[in-house]
Amino acid sequence: MSSSASSYLTLKVLPGRGRCVMAARDIPKGTRVLADPVIFVPGAESDHTDQTVVGRYVFQWNDDDDLCVVLGYGSLLNHGLPENIALVSNFEEMTMEFYAIADIKAGEELVYDYGHEADELADYYGIPNAGTAQAAE
């Protein structure tokens, strides 16, 4: 897939969880489920994103503290453990790719580890229990 229109996915709103990206059908481990275009945010500007609602939707783009805004379903993936999705920055295509790192059954939520401590997940993202998949919205 080259965009958010992946046939593997559906978007659902669940009470108490917000928007969730769900598997519309079984997704085998190793499958690229999304390749969403991004807006590049230079590291020099990245500190400003934390002070806005957009800060909750930026992704680490590279090892130089640059970020990106993902334009598609990938931006709606919630935090969860164990994660079942991995993110890969595709610098040449300027996309964020999302791969299944486990077999995902139809009806399961796609989640990844935001990589923050429990207190930051609770205070900044509004995720009260970082040990389970919770809505980031």
C-alpha atoms as a PDB file:
ATOM      1  CA  MET A   1       0.000   0.000   0.000  1.00  0.00           C
ATOM      2  CA  SER A   2       1.254   3.452  -0.739  1.00  0.00           C
ATOM      3  CA  SER A   3      -1.210   5.418   1.343  1.00  0.00           C
ATOM      4  CA  SER A   4      -3.570   5.325   4.297  1.00  0.00           C
ATOM      5  CA  ALA A   5      -6.198   3.546   2.205  1.00  0.00           C
ATOM      6  CA  SER A   6      -4.892   0.129   3.283  1.00  0.00           C
ATOM      7  CA  SER A   7      -7.396  -2.681   2.833  1.00  0.00           C
ATOM      8  CA  TYR A   8      -6.028  -4.136   6.071  1.00  0.00           C
ATOM      9  CA  LEU A   9      -7.388  -1.327   8.246  1.00  0.00           C
ATOM     10  CA  THR A  10     -10.519   0.285   9.548  1.00  0.00           C
ATOM     11  CA  LEU A  11     -11.000   3.188  11.944  1.00  0.00           C
ATOM     12  CA  LYS A  12     -13.329   2.808  14.923  1.00  0.00           C
ATOM     13  CA  VAL A  13     -14.265   5.048  17.819  1.00  0.00           C
ATOM     14  CA  LEU A  14     -14.488   3.083  21.042  1.00  0.00           C
ATOM     15  CA  PRO A  15     -16.032   4.518  24.225  1.00  0.00           C
ATOM     16  CA  GLY A  16     -13.335   5.508  26.685  1.00  0.00           C
ATOM     17  CA  ARG A  17     -10.596   4.888  24.127  1.00  0.00           C
ATOM     18  CA  GLY A  18     -11.211   7.340  21.299  1.00  0.00           C
ATOM     19  CA  ARG A  19     -10.176   6.649  17.722  1.00  0.00           C
ATOM     20  CA  CYS A  20      -8.555   3.271  17.166  1.00  0.00           C
ATOM     21  CA  VAL A  21      -6.937   1.789  14.072  1.00  0.00           C
ATOM     22  CA  MET A  22      -8.216  -1.776  13.816  1.00  0.00           C
ATOM     23  CA  ALA A  23      -7.357  -4.736  11.619  1.00  0.00           C
ATOM     24  CA  ALA A  24     -10.156  -5.202   9.079  1.00  0.00           C
ATOM     25  CA  ARG A  25      -8.757  -8.659   8.286  1.00  0.00           C
ATOM     26  CA  ASP A  26      -5.917 -10.870   9.468  1.00  0.00           C
ATOM     27  CA  ILE A  27      -2.510  -9.233   8.984  1.00  0.00           C
ATOM     28  CA  PRO A  28       0.482 -11.577   8.777  1.00  0.00           C
ATOM     29  CA  LYS A  29       3.696 -10.670  10.614  1.00  0.00           C
ATOM     30  CA  GLY A  30       6.034  -8.690   8.337  1.00  0.00           C
ATOM     31  CA  THR A  31       3.269  -7.043   6.307  1.00  0.00           C
ATOM     32  CA  ARG A  32       3.652  -3.358   5.495  1.00  0.00           C
ATOM     33  CA  VAL A  33       0.200  -2.060   6.373  1.00  0.00           C
ATOM     34  CA  LEU A  34       0.774   1.642   5.713  1.00  0.00           C
ATOM     35  CA  ALA A  35       3.171   4.042   4.013  1.00  0.00           C
ATOM     36  CA  ASP A  36       1.898   7.493   4.954  1.00  0.00           C
ATOM     37  CA  PRO A  37       3.376  10.753   3.621  1.00  0.00           C
ATOM     38  CA  VAL A  38       4.940  13.046   6.214  1.00  0.00           C
ATOM     39  CA  ILE A  39       5.591  16.706   6.905  1.00  0.00           C
ATOM     40  CA  PHE A  40       9.196  17.121   8.038  1.00  0.00           C
ATOM     41  CA  VAL A  41       9.786  19.111  11.259  1.00  0.00           C
ATOM     42  CA  PRO A  42      13.436  20.214  11.704  1.00  0.00           C
ATOM     43  CA  GLY A  43      14.958  19.538  15.117  1.00  0.00           C
ATOM     44  CA  ALA A  44      15.387  23.284  15.699  1.00  0.00           C
ATOM     45  CA  GLU A  45      11.581  23.624  15.599  1.00  0.00           C
ATOM     46  CA  SER A  46      10.694  20.387  17.364  1.00  0.00           C
ATOM     47  CA  ASP A  47      10.659  21.871  20.870  1.00  0.00           C
ATOM     48  CA  HIS A  48       7.686  24.013  19.855  1.00  0.00           C
ATOM     49  CA  THR A  49       5.485  21.040  19.026  1.00  0.00           C
ATOM     50  CA  ASP A  50       5.244  19.946  22.691  1.00  0.00           C
ATOM     51  CA  GLN A  51       3.308  23.112  23.471  1.00  0.00           C
ATOM     52  CA  THR A  52       0.590  22.321  20.938  1.00  0.00           C
ATOM     53  CA  VAL A  53      -1.932  19.551  20.399  1.00  0.00           C
ATOM     54  CA  VAL A  54       0.060  18.607  17.287  1.00  0.00           C
ATOM     55  CA  GLY A  55       2.873  17.541  19.633  1.00  0.00           C
ATOM     56  CA  ARG A  56       0.832  14.483  20.568  1.00  0.00           C
ATOM     57  CA  TYR A  57       0.909  13.346  16.940  1.00  0.00           C
ATOM     58  CA  VAL A  58       4.533  13.858  15.884  1.00  0.00           C
ATOM     59  CA  PHE A  59       6.938  10.992  15.308  1.00  0.00           C
ATOM     60  CA  GLN A  60      10.699  10.715  15.613  1.00  0.00           C
ATOM     61  CA  TRP A  61      11.985  10.948  12.037  1.00  0.00           C
ATOM     62  CA  ASN A  62      15.713  10.297  12.512  1.00  0.00           C
ATOM     63  CA  ASP A  63      18.530  10.265  15.061  1.00  0.00           C
ATOM     64  CA  ASP A  64      19.107  14.035  14.678  1.00  0.00           C
ATOM     65  CA  ASP A  65      16.055  15.070  16.771  1.00  0.00           C
ATOM     66  CA  ASP A  66      14.041  15.820  13.650  1.00  0.00           C
ATOM     67  CA  LEU A  67      10.357  14.949  13.801  1.00  0.00           C
ATOM     68  CA  CYS A  68       7.557  14.463  11.327  1.00  0.00           C
ATOM     69  CA  VAL A  69       3.807  14.770  11.181  1.00  0.00           C
ATOM     70  CA  VAL A  70       2.298  11.643   9.628  1.00  0.00           C
ATOM     71  CA  LEU A  71      -0.577  12.320   7.230  1.00  0.00           C
ATOM     72  CA  GLY A  72      -2.839   9.308   7.435  1.00  0.00           C
ATOM     73  CA  TYR A  73      -4.099   6.489   9.640  1.00  0.00           C
ATOM     74  CA  GLY A  74      -0.603   6.049  11.068  1.00  0.00           C
ATOM     75  CA  SER A  75      -1.041   9.276  13.038  1.00  0.00           C
ATOM     76  CA  LEU A  76      -3.982   7.683  14.857  1.00  0.00           C
ATOM     77  CA  LEU A  77      -2.187   4.575  16.129  1.00  0.00           C
ATOM     78  CA  ASN A  78      -2.480   4.390  19.898  1.00  0.00           C
ATOM     79  CA  HIS A  79       0.082   3.429  22.503  1.00  0.00           C
ATOM     80  CA  GLY A  80      -0.082  -0.154  23.647  1.00  0.00           C
ATOM     81  CA  LEU A  81       1.962  -2.993  25.049  1.00  0.00           C
ATOM     82  CA  PRO A  82       2.796  -5.389  23.704  1.00  0.00           C
ATOM     83  CA  GLU A  83       3.138  -3.470  20.479  1.00  0.00           C
ATOM     84  CA  ASN A  84       2.216  -5.159  17.221  1.00  0.00           C
ATOM     85  CA  ILE A  85       3.390  -2.449  14.795  1.00  0.00           C
ATOM     86  CA  ALA A  86       6.868  -1.087  14.041  1.00  0.00           C
ATOM     87  CA  LEU A  87       7.607   2.260  12.404  1.00  0.00           C
ATOM     88  CA  VAL A  88      10.249   2.814   9.735  1.00  0.00           C
ATOM     89  CA  SER A  89      11.182   6.227   8.323  1.00  0.00           C
ATOM     90  CA  ASN A  90      11.521   6.017   4.549  1.00  0.00           C
ATOM     91  CA  PHE A  91      13.790   8.986   3.825  1.00  0.00           C
ATOM     92  CA  GLU A  92      13.785   8.554   0.049  1.00  0.00           C
ATOM     93  CA  GLU A  93       9.985   8.474  -0.312  1.00  0.00           C
ATOM     94  CA  MET A  94       9.331  10.855   2.626  1.00  0.00           C
ATOM     95  CA  THR A  95       6.884   8.389   4.166  1.00  0.00           C
ATOM     96  CA  MET A  96       6.475   6.676   7.507  1.00  0.00           C
ATOM     97  CA  GLU A  97       6.014   2.965   6.993  1.00  0.00           C
ATOM     98  CA  PHE A  98       4.179   0.750   9.458  1.00  0.00           C
ATOM     99  CA  TYR A  99       4.913  -2.997   9.624  1.00  0.00           C
ATOM    100  CA  ALA A 100       3.197  -5.788  11.533  1.00  0.00           C
ATOM    101  CA  ILE A 101       5.738  -7.263  13.973  1.00  0.00           C
ATOM    102  CA  ALA A 102       3.309  -9.971  15.041  1.00  0.00           C
ATOM    103  CA  ASP A 103       0.370 -11.714  13.444  1.00  0.00           C
ATOM    104  CA  ILE A 104      -2.633  -9.409  13.973  1.00  0.00           C
ATOM    105  CA  LYS A 105      -6.118 -10.901  13.918  1.00  0.00           C
ATOM    106  CA  ALA A 106      -9.125  -9.185  12.339  1.00  0.00           C
ATOM    107  CA  GLY A 107     -10.739  -6.931  14.937  1.00  0.00           C
ATOM    108  CA  GLU A 108      -7.518  -6.296  16.919  1.00  0.00           C
ATOM    109  CA  GLU A 109      -6.215  -2.785  17.467  1.00  0.00           C
ATOM    110  CA  LEU A 110      -2.877  -1.844  15.927  1.00  0.00           C
ATOM    111  CA  VAL A 111      -0.631  -0.329  18.614  1.00  0.00           C
ATOM    112  CA  TYR A 112       2.974   0.583  19.236  1.00  0.00           C
ATOM    113  CA  ASP A 113       5.034   1.684  22.218  1.00  0.00           C
ATOM    114  CA  TYR A 114       5.290   5.483  22.330  1.00  0.00           C
ATOM    115  CA  GLY A 115       8.568   5.046  24.209  1.00  0.00           C
ATOM    116  CA  HIS A 116       7.766   7.338  27.151  1.00  0.00           C
ATOM    117  CA  GLU A 117       7.678   6.795  30.906  1.00  0.00           C
ATOM    118  CA  ALA A 118       4.315   6.068  32.561  1.00  0.00           C
ATOM    119  CA  ASP A 119       4.049   9.548  34.138  1.00  0.00           C
ATOM    120  CA  GLU A 120       4.552  11.294  30.797  1.00  0.00           C
ATOM    121  CA  LEU A 121       2.066   8.948  29.121  1.00  0.00           C
ATOM    122  CA  ALA A 122      -0.487   9.870  31.794  1.00  0.00           C
ATOM    123  CA  ASP A 123       0.233  13.623  32.042  1.00  0.00           C
ATOM    124  CA  TYR A 124       0.918  14.540  28.413  1.00  0.00           C
ATOM    125  CA  TYR A 125      -0.987  11.915  26.429  1.00  0.00           C
ATOM    126  CA  GLY A 126      -3.779  11.207  28.907  1.00  0.00           C
ATOM    127  CA  ILE A 127      -3.046   7.474  29.055  1.00  0.00           C
ATOM    128  CA  PRO A 128      -3.809   6.429  32.640  1.00  0.00           C
ATOM    129  CA  ASN A 129      -2.461   2.863  32.456  1.00  0.00           C
ATOM    130  CA  ALA A 130       0.607   2.648  30.222  1.00  0.00           C
ATOM    131  CA  GLY A 131       0.713  -1.148  30.467  1.00  0.00           C
ATOM    132  CA  THR A 132      -2.270  -1.646  28.168  1.00  0.00           C
ATOM    133  CA  ALA A 133      -3.504  -0.219  24.900  1.00  0.00           C
ATOM    134  CA  GLN A 134      -5.212   3.081  25.726  1.00  0.00           C
ATOM    135  CA  ALA A 135      -6.452   5.888  23.571  1.00  0.00           C
ATOM    136  CA  ALA A 136      -3.986   8.700  23.073  1.00  0.00           C
ATOM    137  CA  GLU A 137      -6.695  11.201  22.483  1.00  0.00           C
END
